[in-house]
Amino acid sequence: MRILFNLCLACVVVFNAGYASAQTNTAAIVANTLKAVPSCLDYRVAGVCIWLRCEAVPPHCKVITNTRISHFSPEVVVSTWHDAMTHPWSDYGRIVAATLSGAASGVVGASIDSAGTDFSSDRTNRNILFRDADAIGNPVSLTKSSASGRVICPSTATAFTPHFHSFVDALVWRGVVPAELLYPQSLIPGLSEIGNFPLNTWGSLYPRVGAVTQQIPIKGAAVLAQRVANIISQRGQPHFYTALSGAVGYRYFNPGPVMPNDAKNSKWQRLYPNAAMTCEVFGSNDSISLGSWGDGNSTAEEGYSWNLWRRLECCKVEGKYIGSVLF
């Protein structure tokens, strides 16, 4: 079903290629991702994996070693938007949003909004920023079949696949079902902030919903992107999503959930607006600066897209895992 869904969307993209607007598009995402490789990849040989391979005929066992690789991988494009019709990924994300928009209305039993609030009838709360969001597999995500043998870890995402979409997750993302209140981090300030609480914070990771208190829209969008990444990078979360998962035939070494302020685990590359060729961690302290983070990168339509570069460390499976020698 997922493959069929992706093929249908890909066909629609081909026939609507002329629709690309001022936002980014698939070709630009591919080009800008590749341009950021020298800065963001951080490729290194991390060690050696040791395997035991046994065969029945003739009965014998042997020890095999291979290389343990570590690098960052452009896993998903995370976008937030004010209106589905101005989705920042104009030739694909917009079509996905249009395809799924009816799902959200059906799930919550009310008309969803395209003006930045939870529902069409809500126009009273001016202090809380609400945005929809999605995480779609980067077009250049390397699968097991396209990864180069033992020198690259296959992506934990699938290209063009929606790993998260707030229209599908409408019940939780819009707070209809208060599942996120089960976490202490949602109730106690400072437990999980994007930034260094209390000196500097862009917002809290929890509750992982579409509403955030933030006066600077691009910072609010970054907080929401961090929430989405945290959800999809682990299993068993109270949301509707497809978790990032390693390829069969490779052993991954504890990539862990995407957490804020952790440059060793994950980092972000701005794709729209003004695509960056470098990666960064959200939450920088600009409290004593003359300007604010994101100055010059706001958009009139309030749509933003980032690449999530996540550190992967793996070995190709060659038998029964015995252990590793780390460098």
Protein backbone atom coordinates (compact mmCIF):
# COMPACT_ATOMS: atom_id res chain seq x y z
CA MET A 1 0.00 0.00 0.00
CA ARG A 2 2.80 2.43 0.88
CA ILE A 3 4.62 1.70 -2.39
CA LEU A 4 1.40 2.23 -4.38
CA PHE A 5 0.75 5.50 -2.51
CA ASN A 6 4.26 6.74 -3.32
CA LEU A 7 3.96 5.78 -6.98
CA CYS A 8 0.67 7.64 -7.32
CA LEU A 9 2.12 10.75 -5.72
CA ALA A 10 5.21 10.54 -7.91
CA CYS A 11 3.02 10.47 -11.01
CA VAL A 12 1.14 13.53 -9.82
CA VAL A 13 4.45 15.32 -9.26
CA VAL A 14 5.54 14.60 -12.83
CA PHE A 15 2.34 15.99 -14.30
CA ASN A 16 2.49 19.06 -12.04
CA ALA A 17 6.17 19.87 -12.54
CA GLY A 18 5.29 23.33 -13.79
CA TYR A 19 3.58 24.19 -10.51
CA ALA A 20 6.80 24.83 -8.55
CA SER A 21 6.61 28.27 -6.97
CA ALA A 22 8.76 30.45 -4.75
CA GLN A 23 9.14 27.58 -2.27
CA THR A 24 11.64 24.76 -2.69
CA ASN A 25 11.08 21.69 -4.86
CA THR A 26 12.43 18.16 -5.26
CA ALA A 27 15.27 19.12 -7.60
CA ALA A 28 16.41 21.90 -5.26
CA ILE A 29 16.22 19.60 -2.21
CA VAL A 30 18.41 17.01 -3.94
CA ALA A 31 20.91 19.64 -5.09
CA ASN A 32 21.11 21.42 -1.72
CA THR A 33 21.42 18.14 0.18
CA LEU A 34 24.37 17.12 -1.96
CA LYS A 35 25.97 20.56 -1.57
CA ALA A 36 25.86 20.15 2.22
CA VAL A 37 27.61 16.76 2.22
CA PRO A 38 31.16 18.16 2.74
CA SER A 39 29.99 20.13 5.79
CA CYS A 40 27.42 17.79 7.32
CA LEU A 41 28.50 14.21 6.52
CA ASP A 42 31.27 13.89 9.16
CA TYR A 43 32.27 10.49 7.81
CA ARG A 44 34.70 8.33 9.78
CA VAL A 45 35.72 4.74 10.35
CA ALA A 46 34.59 4.06 13.92
CA GLY A 47 36.03 0.60 14.42
CA VAL A 48 35.83 -3.04 13.43
CA CYS A 49 32.94 -5.47 13.93
CA ILE A 50 33.66 -9.12 14.71
CA TRP A 51 31.32 -11.87 13.50
CA LEU A 52 31.13 -15.64 13.84
CA ARG A 53 29.90 -17.45 10.74
CA CYS A 54 29.18 -21.18 10.92
CA GLU A 55 28.20 -23.53 8.10
CA ALA A 56 26.72 -27.00 8.36
CA VAL A 57 28.27 -28.61 5.28
CA PRO A 58 31.07 -29.19 5.85
CA PRO A 59 30.69 -28.29 9.55
CA HIS A 60 33.01 -25.40 10.37
CA CYS A 61 33.03 -21.88 11.83
CA LYS A 62 35.18 -18.89 11.09
CA VAL A 63 35.63 -15.38 12.44
CA ILE A 64 34.96 -12.50 10.07
CA THR A 65 35.73 -8.83 10.58
CA ASN A 66 34.42 -5.79 8.74
CA THR A 67 34.42 -2.04 9.09
CA ARG A 68 32.22 -0.13 11.52
CA ILE A 69 31.18 3.11 9.81
CA SER A 70 29.88 6.35 11.34
CA HIS A 71 28.43 9.33 9.48
CA PHE A 72 25.50 11.71 9.38
CA SER A 73 22.72 10.90 6.92
CA PRO A 74 20.03 13.22 5.46
CA GLU A 75 17.09 11.18 6.69
CA VAL A 76 13.93 13.27 6.30
CA VAL A 77 12.77 16.67 5.15
CA VAL A 78 10.78 18.19 8.03
CA SER A 79 8.43 21.00 7.04
CA THR A 80 6.03 23.22 8.93
CA TRP A 81 3.43 25.36 7.28
CA HIS A 82 0.64 27.85 7.77
CA ASP A 83 -1.45 26.75 4.81
CA ALA A 84 -1.32 23.41 3.01
CA MET A 85 -1.59 25.20 -0.34
CA THR A 86 1.70 27.01 0.36
CA HIS A 87 3.55 23.98 1.70
CA PRO A 88 7.27 24.84 1.36
CA TRP A 89 8.01 21.63 -0.61
CA SER A 90 5.94 22.85 -3.51
CA ASP A 91 5.94 19.94 -5.96
CA TYR A 92 5.62 17.03 -3.52
CA GLY A 93 4.87 18.01 0.07
CA ARG A 94 2.01 20.18 -1.12
CA ILE A 95 0.49 17.26 -3.01
CA VAL A 96 0.87 14.97 0.01
CA ALA A 97 -0.86 17.59 2.18
CA ALA A 98 -3.68 18.02 -0.32
CA THR A 99 -4.10 14.23 -0.53
CA LEU A 100 -4.29 13.85 3.25
CA SER A 101 -6.23 17.01 4.16
CA GLY A 102 -9.54 15.18 4.17
CA ALA A 103 -8.14 12.61 6.59
CA ALA A 104 -7.62 15.19 9.33
CA SER A 105 -11.15 16.56 9.06
CA GLY A 106 -12.55 13.05 9.18
CA VAL A 107 -10.43 12.04 12.16
CA VAL A 108 -11.25 15.03 14.36
CA GLY A 109 -14.83 15.43 13.14
CA ALA A 110 -14.36 19.13 12.39
CA SER A 111 -13.06 21.33 9.62
CA ILE A 112 -9.31 21.77 10.00
CA ASP A 113 -7.84 25.20 9.49
CA SER A 114 -5.41 26.65 6.98
CA ALA A 115 -4.82 29.85 8.93
CA GLY A 116 -2.59 28.66 11.73
CA THR A 117 -5.07 27.67 14.43
CA ASP A 118 -6.30 24.25 15.48
CA PHE A 119 -9.74 24.52 13.91
CA SER A 120 -11.60 26.88 11.59
CA SER A 121 -13.78 28.20 14.41
CA ASP A 122 -10.80 29.18 16.61
CA ARG A 123 -9.66 32.77 16.17
CA THR A 124 -9.31 33.88 19.81
CA ASN A 125 -5.86 32.74 20.99
CA ARG A 126 -3.23 35.12 19.61
CA ASN A 127 -0.37 34.11 21.92
CA ILE A 128 0.07 30.53 20.73
CA LEU A 129 1.52 29.72 17.32
CA PHE A 130 -0.05 26.67 15.69
CA ARG A 131 1.36 25.00 12.58
CA ASP A 132 0.96 21.72 10.75
CA ALA A 133 4.06 19.64 10.06
CA ASP A 134 5.34 16.59 8.22
CA ALA A 135 8.49 14.51 7.86
CA ILE A 136 9.05 13.01 4.41
CA GLY A 137 11.96 10.77 3.46
CA ASN A 138 14.68 12.77 1.74
CA PRO A 139 14.81 12.00 -2.02
CA VAL A 140 18.48 11.02 -1.71
CA SER A 141 17.99 8.71 1.30
CA LEU A 142 20.21 5.69 0.69
CA THR A 143 18.37 2.40 0.98
CA LYS A 144 20.04 -0.98 1.41
CA SER A 145 19.99 -1.53 -2.36
CA SER A 146 21.58 1.84 -3.16
CA ALA A 147 24.11 1.99 -0.31
CA SER A 148 27.65 1.21 -1.35
CA GLY A 149 28.29 -2.14 0.28
CA ARG A 150 30.13 -1.62 3.56
CA VAL A 151 31.09 2.05 3.21
CA ILE A 152 27.73 3.75 3.84
CA CYS A 153 25.00 3.00 6.38
CA PRO A 154 21.63 2.70 4.64
CA SER A 155 19.15 5.36 5.66
CA THR A 156 16.61 4.66 8.38
CA ALA A 157 14.08 6.61 6.28
CA THR A 158 12.46 5.74 2.95
CA ALA A 159 12.68 8.32 0.18
CA PHE A 160 9.41 10.21 -0.48
CA THR A 161 7.61 8.32 2.31
CA PRO A 162 5.64 10.41 4.85
CA HIS A 163 7.05 9.20 8.18
CA PHE A 164 4.89 11.75 9.97
CA HIS A 165 2.03 13.97 8.88
CA SER A 166 0.05 16.13 11.27
CA PHE A 167 -3.12 15.60 9.23
CA VAL A 168 -2.95 11.88 9.96
CA ASP A 169 -1.92 12.55 13.57
CA ALA A 170 -4.61 15.24 13.96
CA LEU A 171 -6.10 13.84 17.18
CA VAL A 172 -2.87 14.25 19.12
CA TRP A 173 -1.21 17.07 17.13
CA ARG A 174 -4.28 19.27 17.63
CA GLY A 175 -4.68 18.28 21.27
CA VAL A 176 -8.03 16.53 20.87
CA VAL A 177 -6.54 13.53 22.67
CA PRO A 178 -4.21 14.89 25.42
CA ALA A 179 -1.82 11.94 25.24
CA GLU A 180 1.26 14.15 25.61
CA LEU A 181 0.17 15.22 29.09
CA LEU A 182 1.18 11.76 30.30
CA TYR A 183 4.82 12.87 30.15
CA PRO A 184 6.31 14.80 33.11
CA GLN A 185 8.25 16.92 30.60
CA SER A 186 4.94 18.38 29.44
CA LEU A 187 4.09 19.59 32.94
CA ILE A 188 7.44 20.68 34.41
CA PRO A 189 9.25 23.57 32.67
CA GLY A 190 12.91 23.10 31.89
CA LEU A 191 13.04 19.31 31.65
CA SER A 192 13.50 19.22 27.88
CA GLU A 193 14.06 22.61 26.26
CA ILE A 194 15.45 23.59 22.86
CA GLY A 195 18.27 25.76 24.19
CA ASN A 196 19.82 26.13 27.63
CA PHE A 197 17.08 26.64 30.20
CA PRO A 198 16.63 29.01 32.00
CA LEU A 199 19.15 31.34 30.32
CA ASN A 200 17.94 30.68 26.80
CA THR A 201 15.14 28.58 25.36
CA TRP A 202 13.29 28.55 22.07
CA GLY A 203 10.54 26.37 23.49
CA SER A 204 9.90 23.00 25.07
CA LEU A 205 10.19 19.66 23.30
CA TYR A 206 7.07 18.56 25.18
CA PRO A 207 4.16 18.47 24.71
CA ARG A 208 4.85 17.27 21.17
CA VAL A 209 1.84 18.97 19.59
CA GLY A 210 1.37 21.66 16.95
CA ALA A 211 1.06 24.61 19.33
CA VAL A 212 4.05 26.52 20.69
CA THR A 213 4.46 29.83 22.49
CA GLN A 214 7.08 31.72 20.51
CA GLN A 215 7.08 35.29 19.20
CA ILE A 216 9.53 34.57 16.37
CA PRO A 217 7.77 32.34 13.79
CA ILE A 218 10.90 30.63 12.42
CA LYS A 219 11.99 29.68 15.95
CA GLY A 220 8.53 28.30 16.62
CA ALA A 221 8.74 26.29 13.40
CA ALA A 222 12.14 24.92 14.46
CA VAL A 223 10.68 23.80 17.80
CA LEU A 224 7.90 21.94 15.97
CA ALA A 225 10.43 20.33 13.62
CA GLN A 226 12.42 19.12 16.66
CA ARG A 227 9.24 17.62 18.11
CA VAL A 228 8.47 15.74 14.91
CA ALA A 229 12.04 14.39 14.71
CA ASN A 230 11.83 13.17 18.30
CA ILE A 231 8.59 11.32 17.60
CA ILE A 232 9.68 9.49 14.47
CA SER A 233 13.13 8.53 15.81
CA GLN A 234 11.69 6.13 18.39
CA ARG A 235 8.97 3.52 18.61
CA GLY A 236 5.89 3.31 20.77
CA GLN A 237 5.02 7.00 20.87
CA PRO A 238 1.33 8.04 21.28
CA HIS A 239 1.13 9.36 17.72
CA PHE A 240 0.25 8.08 14.25
CA TYR A 241 3.54 7.82 12.35
CA THR A 242 6.07 5.48 10.74
CA ALA A 243 9.23 5.21 12.83
CA LEU A 244 12.69 5.52 11.31
CA SER A 245 14.03 1.98 11.09
CA GLY A 246 17.36 0.50 10.05
CA ALA A 247 17.76 -1.67 6.97
CA VAL A 248 17.71 -5.46 7.31
CA GLY A 249 21.19 -6.90 6.92
CA TYR A 250 22.92 -4.13 8.87
CA ARG A 251 23.58 -3.76 12.58
CA TYR A 252 23.02 -0.21 13.84
CA PHE A 253 24.60 0.96 17.05
CA ASN A 254 22.18 2.91 19.21
CA PRO A 255 21.29 5.93 17.10
CA GLY A 256 18.86 6.86 19.89
CA PRO A 257 15.98 9.33 19.68
CA VAL A 258 16.64 12.75 18.19
CA MET A 259 17.04 15.06 21.17
CA PRO A 260 17.55 18.83 21.32
CA ASN A 261 20.99 20.36 21.90
CA ASP A 262 22.84 17.19 20.90
CA ALA A 263 25.19 17.83 17.97
CA LYS A 264 26.64 14.31 18.25
CA ASN A 265 23.25 12.77 17.50
CA SER A 266 21.60 15.04 14.92
CA LYS A 267 21.71 18.42 13.23
CA TRP A 268 19.66 20.52 10.85
CA GLN A 269 20.16 22.04 7.42
CA ARG A 270 17.78 24.79 6.32
CA LEU A 271 16.28 24.00 2.92
CA TYR A 272 13.73 26.81 2.70
CA PRO A 273 14.01 29.72 2.72
CA ASN A 274 17.57 30.51 1.63
CA ALA A 275 19.00 27.00 1.61
CA ALA A 276 22.10 26.62 3.79
CA MET A 277 25.15 24.56 2.85
CA THR A 278 25.98 23.84 6.51
CA CYS A 279 24.28 22.15 9.45
CA GLU A 280 23.49 23.43 12.93
CA VAL A 281 21.75 22.54 16.17
CA PHE A 282 18.59 24.44 17.12
CA GLY A 283 18.61 26.46 20.32
CA SER A 284 21.52 28.88 19.87
CA ASN A 285 21.65 31.75 22.36
CA ASP A 286 20.96 35.08 20.66
CA SER A 287 19.66 36.84 23.76
CA ILE A 288 22.56 39.34 23.85
CA SER A 289 22.90 39.69 20.08
CA LEU A 290 21.78 42.74 18.14
CA GLY A 291 19.69 40.50 15.91
CA SER A 292 17.71 37.32 16.34
CA TRP A 293 18.41 33.84 15.00
CA GLY A 294 16.61 33.52 11.73
CA ASP A 295 16.74 37.20 10.80
CA GLY A 296 16.44 37.46 7.05
CA ASN A 297 15.00 33.96 6.77
CA SER A 298 11.35 34.54 7.59
CA THR A 299 8.76 33.84 4.90
CA ALA A 300 5.56 35.68 4.13
CA GLU A 301 3.62 32.40 3.86
CA GLU A 302 5.11 31.04 7.14
CA GLY A 303 6.42 27.84 5.59
CA TYR A 304 9.81 26.32 6.48
CA SER A 305 11.73 23.18 5.57
CA TRP A 306 14.81 21.56 7.07
CA ASN A 307 16.89 18.48 6.42
CA LEU A 308 17.31 16.28 9.46
CA TRP A 309 20.86 14.90 9.37
CA ARG A 310 21.04 12.01 11.84
CA ARG A 311 24.19 10.19 12.90
CA LEU A 312 24.19 6.55 11.86
CA GLU A 313 26.77 3.98 12.91
CA CYS A 314 26.61 0.49 11.48
CA CYS A 315 28.25 -2.69 10.27
CA LYS A 316 27.05 -5.01 7.55
CA VAL A 317 25.87 -8.30 9.11
CA GLU A 318 28.28 -11.14 8.31
CA GLY A 319 27.14 -13.73 10.85
CA LYS A 320 26.50 -13.80 14.60
CA TYR A 321 27.71 -10.59 16.21
CA ILE A 322 30.50 -11.09 18.75
CA GLY A 323 31.61 -7.56 19.45
CA SER A 324 33.45 -4.49 18.18
CA VAL A 325 36.86 -2.92 18.49
CA LEU A 326 36.41 0.87 18.53
CA PHE A 327 38.93 3.35 17.21
